[in-house]
Protein backbone atom coordinates (compact mmCIF):
# COMPACT_ATOMS: atom_id res chain seq x y z
CA UNK A 1 -85.21 172.08 -32.51
CA UNK A 2 -83.45 169.78 -34.89
CA UNK A 3 -81.03 172.58 -35.66
CA UNK A 4 -80.07 172.86 -31.97
CA UNK A 5 -78.98 169.18 -31.71
CA UNK A 6 -76.68 169.46 -34.72
CA UNK A 7 -74.86 172.46 -33.35
CA UNK A 8 -73.82 170.63 -30.15
CA UNK A 9 -70.51 168.93 -30.91
CA UNK A 10 -67.81 167.95 -28.47
CA UNK A 11 -64.48 169.44 -29.33
CA UNK A 12 -61.42 167.31 -28.65
CA UNK A 13 -58.49 169.33 -27.37
CA UNK A 14 -55.44 167.14 -27.81
CA UNK A 15 -56.80 164.05 -25.97
CA UNK A 16 -55.38 161.63 -28.52
CA UNK A 17 -52.02 163.36 -28.48
CA UNK A 18 -51.78 163.01 -24.69
CA UNK A 19 -52.64 159.31 -24.86
CA UNK A 20 -49.96 158.68 -27.50
CA UNK A 21 -47.36 160.54 -25.43
CA UNK A 22 -48.23 158.53 -22.28
CA UNK A 23 -48.03 155.21 -24.14
CA UNK A 24 -44.69 156.16 -25.71
CA UNK A 25 -43.29 157.17 -22.32
CA UNK A 26 -44.42 153.85 -20.79
CA UNK A 27 -42.76 151.90 -23.62
CA UNK A 28 -39.51 153.81 -23.09
CA UNK A 29 -39.57 153.15 -19.33
CA UNK A 30 -40.26 149.41 -19.81
CA UNK A 31 -37.52 149.17 -22.44
CA UNK A 32 -35.10 150.93 -20.09
CA UNK A 33 -35.88 148.50 -17.26
CA UNK A 34 -35.46 145.47 -19.51
CA UNK A 35 -32.20 146.87 -20.90
CA UNK A 36 -30.89 147.52 -17.40
CA UNK A 37 -31.45 143.90 -16.35
CA UNK A 38 -30.08 142.47 -19.60
CA UNK A 39 -26.90 144.53 -19.74
CA UNK A 40 -26.05 144.81 -16.06
CA UNK A 41 -23.93 141.68 -15.69
CA UNK A 42 -22.83 140.32 -12.35
CA UNK A 43 -19.08 140.40 -11.72
CA UNK A 44 -19.37 137.42 -9.36
CA UNK A 45 -18.26 134.00 -10.54
CA UNK A 46 -20.75 131.13 -10.53
CA UNK A 47 -20.99 129.14 -7.31
CA UNK A 48 -19.60 125.99 -8.93
CA UNK A 49 -16.29 127.64 -9.89
CA UNK A 50 -15.90 129.18 -6.45
CA UNK A 51 -16.42 125.81 -4.80
CA UNK A 52 -13.73 124.26 -6.99
CA UNK A 53 -11.18 126.89 -5.92
CA UNK A 54 -11.59 126.18 -2.18
CA UNK A 55 -9.17 123.49 -1.02
CA UNK A 56 -10.76 120.34 0.39
CA UNK A 57 -8.90 120.72 3.69
CA UNK A 58 -10.55 124.10 4.31
CA UNK A 59 -14.05 122.59 4.54
CA UNK A 60 -15.53 122.77 8.06
CA UNK A 61 -15.96 119.58 10.06
CA UNK A 62 -19.72 120.10 10.37
CA UNK A 63 -20.22 119.55 6.64
CA UNK A 64 -18.39 116.23 6.69
CA UNK A 65 -20.54 114.85 9.51
CA UNK A 66 -23.77 115.88 7.81
CA UNK A 67 -22.61 114.24 4.58
CA UNK A 68 -22.17 110.94 6.43
CA UNK A 69 -25.61 111.12 8.02
CA UNK A 70 -27.50 112.02 4.84
CA UNK A 71 -30.80 113.75 4.42
CA UNK A 72 -33.96 112.50 6.09
CA UNK A 73 -36.20 110.55 3.75
CA UNK A 74 -39.50 108.84 4.49
CA UNK A 75 -40.48 105.46 3.13
CA UNK A 76 -44.21 104.80 3.38
CA UNK A 77 -45.49 101.30 3.80
CA UNK A 78 -47.68 100.54 0.78
CA UNK A 79 -50.79 99.72 2.80
CA UNK A 80 -51.94 100.24 6.38
CA UNK A 81 -51.70 97.41 8.89
CA UNK A 82 -55.11 96.11 9.96
CA UNK A 83 -55.25 93.52 12.72
CA UNK A 84 -57.29 92.29 15.70
CA UNK A 85 -56.16 92.79 19.28
CA UNK A 86 -57.71 91.23 22.38
CA UNK A 87 -59.21 93.59 24.93
CA UNK A 88 -60.53 93.26 28.48
CA UNK A 89 -64.18 93.61 27.47
CA UNK A 90 -64.03 92.71 23.76
CA UNK A 91 -61.63 92.33 20.85
CA UNK A 92 -60.76 95.42 18.86
CA UNK A 93 -59.70 96.10 15.27
CA UNK A 94 -56.67 98.36 14.85
CA UNK A 95 -55.44 100.14 11.74
CA UNK A 96 -51.96 101.68 11.75
CA UNK A 97 -50.35 103.60 8.89
CA UNK A 98 -46.56 103.48 9.10
CA UNK A 99 -43.69 105.42 7.56
CA UNK A 100 -40.00 104.76 8.10
CA UNK A 101 -37.42 107.50 8.58
CA UNK A 102 -34.16 106.65 6.81
CA UNK A 103 -31.04 108.72 6.12
CA UNK A 104 -29.67 108.98 2.59
CA UNK A 105 -30.68 107.62 -0.80
CA UNK A 106 -28.86 104.34 -0.26
CA UNK A 107 -30.84 103.51 2.87
CA UNK A 108 -34.06 104.52 1.12
CA UNK A 109 -33.41 102.03 -1.67
CA UNK A 110 -32.52 99.28 0.82
CA UNK A 111 -35.71 99.92 2.80
CA UNK A 112 -37.84 99.84 -0.35
CA UNK A 113 -36.17 96.62 -1.43
CA UNK A 114 -36.99 94.95 1.89
CA UNK A 115 -40.59 96.16 2.35
CA UNK A 116 -41.99 92.60 2.61
CA UNK A 117 -39.52 91.79 5.40
CA UNK A 118 -40.36 95.05 7.18
CA UNK A 119 -44.11 94.48 6.82
CA UNK A 120 -43.83 90.96 8.22
CA UNK A 121 -41.75 92.14 11.15
CA UNK A 122 -44.13 95.00 11.95
CA UNK A 123 -47.18 92.74 11.74
CA UNK A 124 -45.65 90.24 14.14
CA UNK A 125 -44.84 93.04 16.61
CA UNK A 126 -48.30 94.60 16.28
CA UNK A 127 -50.09 91.31 16.82
CA UNK A 128 -48.44 90.79 20.24
CA UNK A 129 -50.07 93.84 21.82
CA UNK A 130 -53.46 94.24 23.51
CA UNK A 131 -56.20 96.84 23.25
CA UNK A 132 -55.52 97.99 26.81
CA UNK A 133 -51.90 98.77 25.94
CA UNK A 134 -52.87 100.64 22.75
CA UNK A 135 -55.43 102.79 24.54
CA UNK A 136 -52.69 104.82 26.27
CA UNK A 137 -50.07 107.12 24.79
CA UNK A 138 -47.32 105.30 26.65
CA UNK A 139 -48.52 101.99 25.19
CA UNK A 140 -48.41 103.37 21.64
CA UNK A 141 -44.91 104.75 22.21
CA UNK A 142 -43.75 101.40 23.61
CA UNK A 143 -45.19 99.63 20.57
CA UNK A 144 -43.43 102.08 18.23
CA UNK A 145 -40.07 101.59 19.97
CA UNK A 146 -40.46 97.81 19.99
CA UNK A 147 -41.32 97.90 16.29
CA UNK A 148 -38.19 99.99 15.62
CA UNK A 149 -35.97 97.53 17.51
CA UNK A 150 -37.38 94.51 15.69
CA UNK A 151 -37.16 96.15 12.24
CA UNK A 152 -33.56 97.20 12.89
CA UNK A 153 -32.70 93.65 14.03
CA UNK A 154 -34.27 92.14 10.91
CA UNK A 155 -32.50 94.55 8.55
CA UNK A 156 -29.18 94.13 10.36
CA UNK A 157 -29.36 90.37 9.89
CA UNK A 158 -30.00 90.80 6.14
CA UNK A 159 -28.07 93.97 5.17
CA UNK A 160 -25.54 94.35 7.97
CA UNK A 161 -26.77 97.81 9.01
CA UNK A 162 -29.80 99.21 10.83
CA UNK A 163 -31.02 101.24 7.77
CA UNK A 164 -34.16 102.57 9.57
CA UNK A 165 -33.76 105.39 12.07
CA UNK A 166 -37.38 105.68 13.26
CA UNK A 167 -40.73 104.00 12.81
CA UNK A 168 -43.49 106.61 12.63
CA UNK A 169 -47.22 106.04 13.07
CA UNK A 170 -48.89 108.42 10.62
CA UNK A 171 -52.35 107.02 11.22
CA UNK A 172 -53.76 105.14 14.20
CA UNK A 173 -57.37 103.96 14.50
CA UNK A 174 -58.75 101.51 17.06
CA UNK A 175 -62.40 100.42 16.98
């Protein structure tokens, strides 16, 4: 029986040769793809040089108005406002997280510079409301618009411009 086990051998019929040919073909294909992307240059000029060739008078009017407005940026107040408000049955505690919508980097820097003024203005506006007003959507919207008006007035008196476009409540909790 021992002689039977020795006579059973598996014959390989070119298996290694096929594997080498497949690997070589894959390497050639990958090299061809890489070469195609490296040596196929674009005949287009870079965007910067094309923009320089266009005369300034040919720019559409829509671009000039959007450049004046600036991009929308959000300035978050560093901490939420927590205050007491009187209610019909009992006093309530309110927490409001606020962000300011400004346009352009210049207005963002001005708003960040005047955060203490903005916080003081918002706190004085928030403290004049009642729990009954804050329990309705219309009351919250009225408070937000009043806060916007007062913040714009305060910044106009200091900076000469409104700076803030919108006051946004990003968190509102009343207990």
